[in-house]
PDB file of N, CA and C in Angstrom:
ATOM      1  N   UNK A   1      12.630  -7.419  20.306  1.00  0.00           N
ATOM      2  CA  UNK A   1      12.293  -6.226  19.587  1.00  0.00           C
ATOM      3  C   UNK A   1      10.682  -5.785  18.693  1.00  0.00           C
ATOM      4  N   UNK A   2       9.761  -5.663  19.636  1.00  0.00           N
ATOM      5  CA  UNK A   2       8.471  -5.626  19.161  1.00  0.00           C
ATOM      6  C   UNK A   2       8.223  -4.763  17.654  1.00  0.00           C
ATOM      7  N   UNK A   3       9.047  -3.421  18.261  1.00  0.00           N
ATOM      8  CA  UNK A   3       8.527  -2.889  17.007  1.00  0.00           C
ATOM      9  C   UNK A   3       8.799  -2.927  15.849  1.00  0.00           C
ATOM     10  N   UNK A   4      10.209  -3.780  15.536  1.00  0.00           N
ATOM     11  CA  UNK A   4      10.813  -4.186  14.219  1.00  0.00           C
ATOM     12  C   UNK A   4      10.125  -5.018  13.578  1.00  0.00           C
ATOM     13  N   UNK A   5       8.958  -6.168  14.403  1.00  0.00           N
ATOM     14  CA  UNK A   5       8.307  -7.070  13.079  1.00  0.00           C
ATOM     15  C   UNK A   5       7.219  -6.063  12.992  1.00  0.00           C
ATOM     16  N   UNK A   6       6.718  -4.871  12.955  1.00  0.00           N
ATOM     17  CA  UNK A   6       5.207  -4.299  13.046  1.00  0.00           C
ATOM     18  C   UNK A   6       4.619  -4.318  11.202  1.00  0.00           C
ATOM     19  N   UNK A   7       6.118  -4.622  10.580  1.00  0.00           N
ATOM     20  CA  UNK A   7       5.494  -4.803   9.173  1.00  0.00           C
ATOM     21  C   UNK A   7       6.412  -6.174   8.441  1.00  0.00           C
ATOM     22  N   UNK A   8       5.875  -7.233   8.407  1.00  0.00           N
ATOM     23  CA  UNK A   8       6.183  -8.722   7.796  1.00  0.00           C
ATOM     24  C   UNK A   8       7.566  -8.132   6.946  1.00  0.00           C
ATOM     25  N   UNK A   9       8.313  -9.825   6.802  1.00  0.00           N
ATOM     26  CA  UNK A   9       9.725  -9.526   6.232  1.00  0.00           C
ATOM     27  C   UNK A   9       9.071  -9.503   4.861  1.00  0.00           C
ATOM     28  N   UNK A  10       8.232 -10.095   4.673  1.00  0.00           N
ATOM     29  CA  UNK A  10       7.962 -10.184   2.783  1.00  0.00           C
ATOM     30  C   UNK A  10       7.741  -8.472   2.086  1.00  0.00           C
ATOM     31  N   UNK A  11       6.720  -7.857   2.874  1.00  0.00           N
ATOM     32  CA  UNK A  11       6.743  -6.411   2.557  1.00  0.00           C
ATOM     33  C   UNK A  11       7.921  -5.565   2.790  1.00  0.00           C
ATOM     34  N   UNK A  12       8.925  -6.190   3.835  1.00  0.00           N
ATOM     35  CA  UNK A  12       9.859  -5.321   3.800  1.00  0.00           C
ATOM     36  C   UNK A  12      10.272  -5.624   2.285  1.00  0.00           C
ATOM     37  N   UNK A  13      11.133  -6.459   2.160  1.00  0.00           N
ATOM     38  CA  UNK A  13      11.738  -7.284   0.879  1.00  0.00           C
ATOM     39  C   UNK A  13      11.315  -5.653  -0.277  1.00  0.00           C
ATOM     40  N   UNK A  14      10.097  -6.854  -0.565  1.00  0.00           N
ATOM     41  CA  UNK A  14       9.137  -5.945  -1.902  1.00  0.00           C
ATOM     42  C   UNK A  14       9.153  -4.828  -1.657  1.00  0.00           C
ATOM     43  N   UNK A  15       9.558  -4.294  -0.216  1.00  0.00           N
ATOM     44  CA  UNK A  15       9.161  -2.387  -0.274  1.00  0.00           C
ATOM     45  C   UNK A  15      10.818  -1.854  -0.980  1.00  0.00           C
ATOM     46  N   UNK A  16      12.037  -2.699  -0.296  1.00  0.00           N
ATOM     47  CA  UNK A  16      13.344  -2.671  -0.205  1.00  0.00           C
ATOM     48  C   UNK A  16      13.529  -2.657  -2.192  1.00  0.00           C
ATOM     49  N   UNK A  17      12.619  -3.685  -2.224  1.00  0.00           N
ATOM     50  CA  UNK A  17      13.290  -3.800  -4.208  1.00  0.00           C
ATOM     51  C   UNK A  17      12.757  -2.945  -5.003  1.00  0.00           C
ATOM     52  N   UNK A  18      11.480  -2.463  -4.735  1.00  0.00           N
ATOM     53  CA  UNK A  18      10.666  -1.477  -5.846  1.00  0.00           C
ATOM     54  C   UNK A  18      11.351  -0.071  -5.087  1.00  0.00           C
ATOM     55  N   UNK A  19      12.112   0.295  -4.293  1.00  0.00           N
ATOM     56  CA  UNK A  19      12.584   2.022  -4.438  1.00  0.00           C
ATOM     57  C   UNK A  19      13.974   1.325  -5.304  1.00  0.00           C
ATOM     58  N   UNK A  20      14.839   0.448  -4.903  1.00  0.00           N
ATOM     59  CA  UNK A  20      16.004   0.257  -5.631  1.00  0.00           C
ATOM     60  C   UNK A  20      15.209   0.270  -7.246  1.00  0.00           C
ATOM     61  N   UNK A  21      14.232  -0.247  -7.512  1.00  0.00           N
ATOM     62  CA  UNK A  21      13.949  -0.680  -9.337  1.00  0.00           C
ATOM     63  C   UNK A  21      13.700   0.784  -9.642  1.00  0.00           C
ATOM     64  N   UNK A  22      13.085   1.631  -8.897  1.00  0.00           N
ATOM     65  CA  UNK A  22      12.913   3.055  -9.417  1.00  0.00           C
ATOM     66  C   UNK A  22      14.188   3.742  -9.091  1.00  0.00           C
ATOM     67  N   UNK A  23      14.887   3.762  -8.358  1.00  0.00           N
ATOM     68  CA  UNK A  23      15.626   4.466  -7.770  1.00  0.00           C
ATOM     69  C   UNK A  23      17.052   4.354  -9.514  1.00  0.00           C
ATOM     70  N   UNK A  24      17.092   2.721  -9.587  1.00  0.00           N
ATOM     71  CA  UNK A  24      17.823   2.352 -10.617  1.00  0.00           C
ATOM     72  C   UNK A  24      17.331   3.399 -11.907  1.00  0.00           C
ATOM     73  N   UNK A  25      15.828   3.508 -12.339  1.00  0.00           N
ATOM     74  CA  UNK A  25      14.671   3.358 -13.308  1.00  0.00           C
ATOM     75  C   UNK A  25      15.201   5.423 -13.410  1.00  0.00           C
ATOM     76  N   UNK A  26      14.808   5.666 -12.422  1.00  0.00           N
ATOM     77  CA  UNK A  26      15.078   7.328 -12.544  1.00  0.00           C
ATOM     78  C   UNK A  26      15.733   7.717 -11.979  1.00  0.00           C
ATOM     79  N   UNK A  27      16.893   7.520 -10.779  1.00  0.00           N
ATOM     80  CA  UNK A  27      17.256   8.513 -10.099  1.00  0.00           C
ATOM     81  C   UNK A  27      17.148   7.811  -8.705  1.00  0.00           C
ATOM     82  N   UNK A  28      17.700   8.334  -7.494  1.00  0.00           N
ATOM     83  CA  UNK A  28      18.002   9.005  -6.567  1.00  0.00           C
ATOM     84  C   UNK A  28      16.784   9.408  -6.217  1.00  0.00           C
ATOM     85  N   UNK A  29      16.962  10.961  -6.867  1.00  0.00           N
ATOM     86  CA  UNK A  29      16.214  11.846  -6.231  1.00  0.00           C
ATOM     87  C   UNK A  29      14.690  12.119  -7.068  1.00  0.00           C
ATOM     88  N   UNK A  30      14.050  11.039  -7.150  1.00  0.00           N
ATOM     89  CA  UNK A  30      12.432  11.483  -7.642  1.00  0.00           C
ATOM     90  C   UNK A  30      11.366  10.601  -6.961  1.00  0.00           C
ATOM     91  N   UNK A  31      11.743  10.734  -5.523  1.00  0.00           N
ATOM     92  CA  UNK A  31      10.546  10.920  -4.910  1.00  0.00           C
ATOM     93  C   UNK A  31      10.681   9.506  -4.564  1.00  0.00           C
ATOM     94  N   UNK A  32      10.866   8.086  -5.254  1.00  0.00           N
ATOM     95  CA  UNK A  32      10.816   7.313  -5.317  1.00  0.00           C
ATOM     96  C   UNK A  32      10.561   6.458  -3.317  1.00  0.00           C
ATOM     97  N   UNK A  33      11.126   6.541  -2.713  1.00  0.00           N
ATOM     98  CA  UNK A  33      11.232   6.198  -1.269  1.00  0.00           C
ATOM     99  C   UNK A  33       9.217   7.107  -0.808  1.00  0.00           C
ATOM    100  N   UNK A  34       9.245   7.663  -1.012  1.00  0.00           N
ATOM    101  CA  UNK A  34       7.625   8.432  -0.440  1.00  0.00           C
ATOM    102  C   UNK A  34       6.731   7.750  -1.115  1.00  0.00           C
ATOM    103  N   UNK A  35       6.992   8.040  -3.123  1.00  0.00           N
ATOM    104  CA  UNK A  35       6.065   6.921  -3.402  1.00  0.00           C
ATOM    105  C   UNK A  35       5.460   5.603  -3.263  1.00  0.00           C
ATOM    106  N   UNK A  36       6.478   4.817  -2.715  1.00  0.00           N
ATOM    107  CA  UNK A  36       6.838   3.100  -2.078  1.00  0.00           C
ATOM    108  C   UNK A  36       5.951   3.565  -1.568  1.00  0.00           C
ATOM    109  N   UNK A  37       6.388   3.954  -0.584  1.00  0.00           N
ATOM    110  CA  UNK A  37       6.242   3.970   1.725  1.00  0.00           C
ATOM    111  C   UNK A  37       4.419   4.592   0.969  1.00  0.00           C
ATOM    112  N   UNK A  38       4.112   5.408   0.264  1.00  0.00           N
ATOM    113  CA  UNK A  38       2.339   6.179   0.421  1.00  0.00           C
ATOM    114  C   UNK A  38       1.722   4.261  -0.635  1.00  0.00           C
ATOM    115  N   UNK A  39       2.165   4.229  -1.429  1.00  0.00           N
ATOM    116  CA  UNK A  39       1.740   3.135  -2.260  1.00  0.00           C
ATOM    117  C   UNK A  39       1.276   1.418  -1.396  1.00  0.00           C
ATOM    118  N   UNK A  40       2.508   1.354  -0.161  1.00  0.00           N
ATOM    119  CA  UNK A  40       2.746   0.030  -0.072  1.00  0.00           C
ATOM    120  C   UNK A  40       1.708  -0.050   1.835  1.00  0.00           C
ATOM    121  N   UNK A  41       1.687   1.990   2.152  1.00  0.00           N
ATOM    122  CA  UNK A  41       0.959   1.947   3.342  1.00  0.00           C
ATOM    123  C   UNK A  41       2.203   1.774   4.661  1.00  0.00           C
ATOM    124  N   UNK A  42       3.493   1.922   4.360  1.00  0.00           N
ATOM    125  CA  UNK A  42       3.787   1.488   5.129  1.00  0.00           C
ATOM    126  C   UNK A  42       4.972   3.272   5.468  1.00  0.00           C
ATOM    127  N   UNK A  43       5.567   3.750   7.095  1.00  0.00           N
ATOM    128  CA  UNK A  43       5.892   4.446   7.075  1.00  0.00           C
ATOM    129  C   UNK A  43       7.216   4.952   6.480  1.00  0.00           C
ATOM    130  N   UNK A  44       7.463   6.257   5.785  1.00  0.00           N
ATOM    131  CA  UNK A  44       8.267   6.527   4.846  1.00  0.00           C
ATOM    132  C   UNK A  44       9.855   6.142   5.726  1.00  0.00           C
ATOM    133  N   UNK A  45       9.676   6.730   7.118  1.00  0.00           N
ATOM    134  CA  UNK A  45      11.492   6.835   8.107  1.00  0.00           C
ATOM    135  C   UNK A  45      11.490   5.003   7.973  1.00  0.00           C
ATOM    136  N   UNK A  46      10.583   4.082   7.987  1.00  0.00           N
ATOM    137  CA  UNK A  46      10.711   3.212   8.373  1.00  0.00           C
ATOM    138  C   UNK A  46      11.602   2.459   7.344  1.00  0.00           C
ATOM    139  N   UNK A  47      10.506   2.739   5.908  1.00  0.00           N
ATOM    140  CA  UNK A  47      11.116   2.616   4.618  1.00  0.00           C
ATOM    141  C   UNK A  47      12.547   2.917   4.541  1.00  0.00           C
ATOM    142  N   UNK A  48      13.089   3.997   4.660  1.00  0.00           N
ATOM    143  CA  UNK A  48      14.709   4.492   4.523  1.00  0.00           C
ATOM    144  C   UNK A  48      15.136   4.083   5.379  1.00  0.00           C
ATOM    145  N   UNK A  49      14.597   3.103   6.304  1.00  0.00           N
ATOM    146  CA  UNK A  49      15.629   2.765   7.223  1.00  0.00           C
ATOM    147  C   UNK A  49      16.225   1.185   6.445  1.00  0.00           C
ATOM    148  N   UNK A  50      15.304   0.429   6.246  1.00  0.00           N
ATOM    149  CA  UNK A  50      15.142  -0.783   5.305  1.00  0.00           C
ATOM    150  C   UNK A  50      16.721  -0.480   4.406  1.00  0.00           C
ATOM    151  N   UNK A  51      16.284   0.528   3.333  1.00  0.00           N
ATOM    152  CA  UNK A  51      16.882   0.801   2.274  1.00  0.00           C
ATOM    153  C   UNK A  51      18.558   0.991   2.574  1.00  0.00           C
ATOM    154  N   UNK A  52      18.204   2.074   3.884  1.00  0.00           N
ATOM    155  CA  UNK A  52      19.694   1.864   4.469  1.00  0.00           C
ATOM    156  C   UNK A  52      20.451   0.631   4.688  1.00  0.00           C
ATOM    157  N   UNK A  53      20.000   0.170   5.096  1.00  0.00           N
ATOM    158  CA  UNK A  53      20.908  -1.207   5.623  1.00  0.00           C
ATOM    159  C   UNK A  53      20.721  -2.389   4.287  1.00  0.00           C
ATOM    160  N   UNK A  54      19.885  -2.354   3.865  1.00  0.00           N
ATOM    161  CA  UNK A  54      20.006  -3.364   2.311  1.00  0.00           C
ATOM    162  C   UNK A  54      21.201  -3.180   1.708  1.00  0.00           C
ATOM    163  N   UNK A  55      21.029  -1.115   1.107  1.00  0.00           N
ATOM    164  CA  UNK A  55      22.648  -0.912   0.710  1.00  0.00           C
ATOM    165  C   UNK A  55      23.550  -1.007   1.267  1.00  0.00           C
ATOM    166  N   UNK A  56      23.462  -0.948   3.014  1.00  0.00           N
ATOM    167  CA  UNK A  56      24.559  -1.309   3.592  1.00  0.00           C
ATOM    168  C   UNK A  56      25.621  -2.650   3.747  1.00  0.00           C
ATOM    169  N   UNK A  57      23.523  -3.620   3.130  1.00  0.00           N
ATOM    170  CA  UNK A  57      24.475  -5.391   3.161  1.00  0.00           C
ATOM    171  C   UNK A  57      24.814  -5.782   2.098  1.00  0.00           C
ATOM    172  N   UNK A  58      24.417  -4.734   0.965  1.00  0.00           N
ATOM    173  CA  UNK A  58      24.996  -5.395  -0.208  1.00  0.00           C
ATOM    174  C   UNK A  58      26.029  -5.015  -0.030  1.00  0.00           C
ATOM    175  N   UNK A  59      26.627  -3.401  -0.106  1.00  0.00           N
ATOM    176  CA  UNK A  59      28.039  -3.096  -0.266  1.00  0.00           C
ATOM    177  C   UNK A  59      29.222  -3.527   0.242  1.00  0.00           C
ATOM    178  N   UNK A  60      29.065  -4.232   1.994  1.00  0.00           N
ATOM    179  CA  UNK A  60      29.643  -4.212   2.226  1.00  0.00           C
ATOM    180  C   UNK A  60      29.295  -6.239   2.868  1.00  0.00           C
ATOM    181  N   UNK A  61      28.885  -6.866   1.586  1.00  0.00           N
ATOM    182  CA  UNK A  61      29.407  -8.421   2.243  1.00  0.00           C
ATOM    183  C   UNK A  61      28.956  -9.170   0.608  1.00  0.00           C
ATOM    184  N   UNK A  62      28.679  -7.758  -0.067  1.00  0.00           N
ATOM    185  CA  UNK A  62      28.192  -8.347  -2.191  1.00  0.00           C
ATOM    186  C   UNK A  62      27.360  -9.146  -1.881  1.00  0.00           C
ATOM    187  N   UNK A  63      26.282  -8.869  -0.693  1.00  0.00           N
ATOM    188  CA  UNK A  63      25.445  -9.808  -0.745  1.00  0.00           C
ATOM    189  C   UNK A  63      24.161  -9.173  -1.802  1.00  0.00           C
ATOM    190  N   UNK A  64      23.277  -9.385  -2.613  1.00  0.00           N
ATOM    191  CA  UNK A  64      22.262  -8.822  -3.459  1.00  0.00           C
ATOM    192  C   UNK A  64      21.326  -8.590  -2.454  1.00  0.00           C
ATOM    193  N   UNK A  65      20.403  -7.465  -3.207  1.00  0.00           N
ATOM    194  CA  UNK A  65      19.356  -6.578  -2.450  1.00  0.00           C
ATOM    195  C   UNK A  65      18.011  -7.617  -2.360  1.00  0.00           C
ATOM    196  N   UNK A  66      17.358  -8.917  -2.030  1.00  0.00           N
ATOM    197  CA  UNK A  66      16.191  -9.172  -3.301  1.00  0.00           C
ATOM    198  C   UNK A  66      14.806  -8.649  -4.574  1.00  0.00           C
ATOM    199  N   UNK A  67      14.805  -8.908  -5.591  1.00  0.00           N
ATOM    200  CA  UNK A  67      14.287  -8.344  -6.661  1.00  0.00           C
ATOM    201  C   UNK A  67      13.118  -8.593  -6.458  1.00  0.00           C
ATOM    202  N   UNK A  68      12.571  -7.602  -7.335  1.00  0.00           N
ATOM    203  CA  UNK A  68      10.880  -8.798  -6.980  1.00  0.00           C
ATOM    204  C   UNK A  68      10.661  -9.494  -7.726  1.00  0.00           C
ATOM    205  N   UNK A  69       9.409 -10.764  -7.953  1.00  0.00           N
ATOM    206  CA  UNK A  69       9.953 -11.655  -8.809  1.00  0.00           C
ATOM    207  C   UNK A  69       8.714 -11.294  -9.470  1.00  0.00           C
ATOM    208  N   UNK A  70       8.703 -11.407 -11.160  1.00  0.00           N
ATOM    209  CA  UNK A  70       7.349 -11.403 -12.053  1.00  0.00           C
ATOM    210  C   UNK A  70       6.540 -12.294 -12.112  1.00  0.00           C
ATOM    211  N   UNK A  71       5.207 -12.452 -11.584  1.00  0.00           N
ATOM    212  CA  UNK A  71       4.271 -12.645 -11.342  1.00  0.00           C
ATOM    213  C   UNK A  71       3.446 -13.185 -13.075  1.00  0.00           C
ATOM    214  N   UNK A  72       3.234 -14.727 -12.284  1.00  0.00           N
ATOM    215  CA  UNK A  72       2.576 -15.422 -14.084  1.00  0.00           C
ATOM    216  C   UNK A  72       1.584 -15.259 -14.123  1.00  0.00           C
ATOM    217  N   UNK A  73       1.590 -15.660 -15.665  1.00  0.00           N
ATOM    218  CA  UNK A  73      -0.406 -14.984 -15.877  1.00  0.00           C
ATOM    219  C   UNK A  73      -1.034 -14.924 -15.062  1.00  0.00           C
ATOM    220  N   UNK A  74      -1.301 -16.916 -14.117  1.00  0.00           N
ATOM    221  CA  UNK A  74      -2.124 -17.019 -13.581  1.00  0.00           C
ATOM    222  C   UNK A  74      -1.787 -16.102 -12.470  1.00  0.00           C
ATOM    223  N   UNK A  75      -1.166 -16.309 -11.552  1.00  0.00           N
ATOM    224  CA  UNK A  75      -1.718 -14.978 -10.053  1.00  0.00           C
ATOM    225  C   UNK A  75      -1.205 -14.023 -10.546  1.00  0.00           C
ATOM    226  N   UNK A  76      -1.507 -13.579 -11.810  1.00  0.00           N
ATOM    227  CA  UNK A  76      -2.560 -12.059 -12.265  1.00  0.00           C
ATOM    228  C   UNK A  76      -3.461 -12.040 -12.218  1.00  0.00           C
ATOM    229  N   UNK A  77      -4.138 -12.938 -13.350  1.00  0.00           N
ATOM    230  CA  UNK A  77      -5.518 -12.980 -13.324  1.00  0.00           C
ATOM    231  C   UNK A  77      -5.882 -13.259 -12.047  1.00  0.00           C
ATOM    232  N   UNK A  78      -5.527 -14.364 -10.789  1.00  0.00           N
ATOM    233  CA  UNK A  78      -6.038 -14.527  -9.920  1.00  0.00           C
ATOM    234  C   UNK A  78      -5.817 -13.360  -9.195  1.00  0.00           C
ATOM    235  N   UNK A  79      -5.216 -12.278  -9.095  1.00  0.00           N
ATOM    236  CA  UNK A  79      -4.818 -11.176  -8.151  1.00  0.00           C
ATOM    237  C   UNK A  79      -6.293 -10.327  -8.652  1.00  0.00           C
ATOM    238  N   UNK A  80      -6.350  -9.886 -10.281  1.00  0.00           N
ATOM    239  CA  UNK A  80      -7.210  -9.045 -10.517  1.00  0.00           C
ATOM    240  C   UNK A  80      -8.844  -9.296 -10.259  1.00  0.00           C
ATOM    241  N   UNK A  81      -9.018 -10.669 -10.408  1.00  0.00           N
ATOM    242  CA  UNK A  81     -10.123 -11.340  -9.349  1.00  0.00           C
ATOM    243  C   UNK A  81     -10.214 -10.795  -8.129  1.00  0.00           C
ATOM    244  N   UNK A  82      -9.196 -11.325  -7.544  1.00  0.00           N
ATOM    245  CA  UNK A  82      -9.270 -10.657  -6.250  1.00  0.00           C
ATOM    246  C   UNK A  82      -9.589  -9.217  -6.111  1.00  0.00           C
ATOM    247  N   UNK A  83      -8.649  -8.752  -6.448  1.00  0.00           N
ATOM    248  CA  UNK A  83      -8.751  -6.932  -6.665  1.00  0.00           C
ATOM    249  C   UNK A  83     -10.540  -6.755  -6.769  1.00  0.00           C
ATOM    250  N   UNK A  84     -11.243  -7.556  -8.021  1.00  0.00           N
ATOM    251  CA  UNK A  84     -12.618  -6.969  -8.697  1.00  0.00           C
ATOM    252  C   UNK A  84     -13.465  -7.254  -7.547  1.00  0.00           C
ATOM    253  N   UNK A  85     -13.131  -8.294  -6.689  1.00  0.00           N
ATOM    254  CA  UNK A  85     -14.405  -9.088  -5.954  1.00  0.00           C
ATOM    255  C   UNK A  85     -13.996  -7.861  -4.468  1.00  0.00           C
ATOM    256  N   UNK A  86     -13.131  -7.438  -4.585  1.00  0.00           N
ATOM    257  CA  UNK A  86     -12.895  -6.606  -3.137  1.00  0.00           C
ATOM    258  C   UNK A  86     -13.499  -4.968  -3.717  1.00  0.00           C
ATOM    259  N   UNK A  87     -13.479  -4.978  -4.956  1.00  0.00           N
ATOM    260  CA  UNK A  87     -14.237  -3.313  -5.279  1.00  0.00           C
ATOM    261  C   UNK A  87     -15.670  -3.389  -5.003  1.00  0.00           C
ATOM    262  N   UNK A  88     -16.027  -4.720  -5.546  1.00  0.00           N
ATOM    263  CA  UNK A  88     -17.677  -5.124  -5.616  1.00  0.00           C
ATOM    264  C   UNK A  88     -17.729  -4.716  -4.126  1.00  0.00           C
ATOM    265  N   UNK A  89     -17.235  -5.432  -3.278  1.00  0.00           N
ATOM    266  CA  UNK A  89     -17.549  -5.545  -1.920  1.00  0.00           C
ATOM    267  C   UNK A  89     -18.128  -3.932  -1.602  1.00  0.00           C
ATOM    268  N   UNK A  90     -16.628  -3.229  -1.881  1.00  0.00           N
ATOM    269  CA  UNK A  90     -16.379  -2.227  -1.308  1.00  0.00           C
ATOM    270  C   UNK A  90     -17.451  -0.924  -2.025  1.00  0.00           C
ATOM    271  N   UNK A  91     -18.136  -0.978  -3.257  1.00  0.00           N
ATOM    272  CA  UNK A  91     -18.850  -0.470  -3.641  1.00  0.00           C
ATOM    273  C   UNK A  91     -20.096  -0.605  -2.825  1.00  0.00           C
ATOM    274  N   UNK A  92     -20.457  -1.570  -2.341  1.00  0.00           N
ATOM    275  CA  UNK A  92     -21.963  -2.492  -1.510  1.00  0.00           C
ATOM    276  C   UNK A  92     -21.651  -2.053  -0.814  1.00  0.00           C
ATOM    277  N   UNK A  93     -20.426  -2.033   0.194  1.00  0.00           N
ATOM    278  CA  UNK A  93     -20.399  -0.601   1.482  1.00  0.00           C
ATOM    279  C   UNK A  93     -20.402   0.340   1.308  1.00  0.00           C
ATOM    280  N   UNK A  94     -20.150   1.216   0.307  1.00  0.00           N
ATOM    281  CA  UNK A  94     -20.425   2.693   0.282  1.00  0.00           C
ATOM    282  C   UNK A  94     -21.704   2.676  -0.474  1.00  0.00           C
ATOM    283  N   UNK A  95     -22.280   1.812  -1.284  1.00  0.00           N
ATOM    284  CA  UNK A  95     -23.536   1.980  -1.186  1.00  0.00           C
ATOM    285  C   UNK A  95     -25.002   1.750   0.229  1.00  0.00           C
ATOM    286  N   UNK A  96     -24.779   0.891   1.253  1.00  0.00           N
ATOM    287  CA  UNK A  96     -24.722   1.400   2.203  1.00  0.00           C
ATOM    288  C   UNK A  96     -24.563   2.556   2.630  1.00  0.00           C
ATOM    289  N   UNK A  97     -23.824   2.380   2.928  1.00  0.00           N
ATOM    290  CA  UNK A  97     -23.431   3.681   3.908  1.00  0.00           C
ATOM    291  C   UNK A  97     -23.532   5.020   3.845  1.00  0.00           C
ATOM    292  N   UNK A  98     -23.978   5.096   2.099  1.00  0.00           N
ATOM    293  CA  UNK A  98     -24.870   6.682   1.597  1.00  0.00           C
ATOM    294  C   UNK A  98     -26.723   6.447   2.261  1.00  0.00           C
ATOM    295  N   UNK A  99     -27.351   5.149   1.770  1.00  0.00           N
ATOM    296  CA  UNK A  99     -27.959   5.584   2.151  1.00  0.00           C
ATOM    297  C   UNK A  99     -28.271   5.427   3.582  1.00  0.00           C
ATOM    298  N   UNK A 100     -27.164   5.582   4.442  1.00  0.00           N
ATOM    299  CA  UNK A 100     -27.608   4.646   5.758  1.00  0.00           C
ATOM    300  C   UNK A 100     -27.924   6.830   6.413  1.00  0.00           C
ATOM    301  N   UNK A 101     -26.592   7.439   5.333  1.00  0.00           N
ATOM    302  CA  UNK A 101     -26.179   8.604   5.227  1.00  0.00           C
ATOM    303  C   UNK A 101     -27.343   9.268   5.709  1.00  0.00           C
ATOM    304  N   UNK A 102     -28.205   8.760   4.454  1.00  0.00           N
ATOM    305  CA  UNK A 102     -29.389   9.824   3.333  1.00  0.00           C
ATOM    306  C   UNK A 102     -30.512   9.576   4.801  1.00  0.00           C
ATOM    307  N   UNK A 103     -30.451   8.864   4.852  1.00  0.00           N
ATOM    308  CA  UNK A 103     -31.773   8.061   6.300  1.00  0.00           C
ATOM    309  C   UNK A 103     -31.505   8.933   8.004  1.00  0.00           C
ATOM    310  N   UNK A 104     -30.009   8.956   7.763  1.00  0.00           N
ATOM    311  CA  UNK A 104     -29.963   9.803   9.076  1.00  0.00           C
ATOM    312  C   UNK A 104     -30.237  11.356   9.104  1.00  0.00           C
ATOM    313  N   UNK A 105     -29.829  11.504   7.946  1.00  0.00           N
ATOM    314  CA  UNK A 105     -30.138  13.314   7.532  1.00  0.00           C
ATOM    315  C   UNK A 105     -31.554  13.634   7.729  1.00  0.00           C
ATOM    316  N   UNK A 106     -32.373  12.376   7.269  1.00  0.00           N
ATOM    317  CA  UNK A 106     -33.716  12.764   7.197  1.00  0.00           C
ATOM    318  C   UNK A 106     -34.110  12.664   8.678  1.00  0.00           C
ATOM    319  N   UNK A 107     -33.941  11.897   9.472  1.00  0.00           N
ATOM    320  CA  UNK A 107     -34.206  11.814  10.893  1.00  0.00           C
ATOM    321  C   UNK A 107     -33.700  12.876  11.337  1.00  0.00           C
ATOM    322  N   UNK A 108     -32.410  13.729  11.268  1.00  0.00           N
ATOM    323  CA  UNK A 108     -32.102  14.375  12.099  1.00  0.00           C
ATOM    324  C   UNK A 108     -32.622  16.059  11.768  1.00  0.00           C
ATOM    325  N   UNK A 109     -33.012  16.239  10.947  1.00  0.00           N
ATOM    326  CA  UNK A 109     -33.317  17.242  10.218  1.00  0.00           C
ATOM    327  C   UNK A 109     -34.802  17.114   9.505  1.00  0.00           C
ATOM    328  N   UNK A 110     -36.227  17.595  10.899  1.00  0.00           N
ATOM    329  CA  UNK A 110     -37.399  16.804  10.814  1.00  0.00           C
ATOM    330  C   UNK A 110     -37.840  18.169   9.526  1.00  0.00           C
ATOM    331  N   UNK A 111     -39.307  17.980   9.015  1.00  0.00           N
ATOM    332  CA  UNK A 111     -40.017  19.063   8.046  1.00  0.00           C
ATOM    333  C   UNK A 111     -40.583  20.250   8.186  1.00  0.00           C
ATOM    334  N   UNK A 112     -39.835  21.491   8.717  1.00  0.00           N
ATOM    335  CA  UNK A 112     -40.648  22.710   8.927  1.00  0.00           C
ATOM    336  C   UNK A 112     -41.822  22.215   9.387  1.00  0.00           C
ATOM    337  N   UNK A 113     -42.127  23.568  10.779  1.00  0.00           N
ATOM    338  CA  UNK A 113     -43.534  23.363  10.830  1.00  0.00           C
ATOM    339  C   UNK A 113     -44.618  23.660   9.832  1.00  0.00           C
ATOM    340  N   UNK A 114     -46.523  23.313   9.860  1.00  0.00           N
ATOM    341  CA  UNK A 114     -46.648  23.867   8.713  1.00  0.00           C
ATOM    342  C   UNK A 114     -48.039  25.489   9.491  1.00  0.00           C
ATOM    343  N   UNK A 115     -47.855  26.193   9.744  1.00  0.00           N
ATOM    344  CA  UNK A 115     -48.293  27.573   9.332  1.00  0.00           C
ATOM    345  C   UNK A 115     -49.258  27.399   8.795  1.00  0.00           C
TER     346      UNK A 115
END
């Protein structure tokens, strides 16, 4: 089934673990699923299905649902550097797009005729 492989297994496990963590901390009716789905960029209904499967597996077989592994300080630093570089790249792209839109706006709006 190709539809089941739209999201990587690692992302699924992490998403389920985050939902379960939020539910433990804040209660089930606090929008944990919607928040995690939005933050991770997954469809809300797909996440709801994964969580339902994980809860059934845990209840039926005594199997523990994976919990997020805390990152080491070096991994966090590397991730921060990666995100800062990505942010700089996106800011440069925004500057280019702003300049291009200003250029094309001038081209599309010729000066008024002189009387």
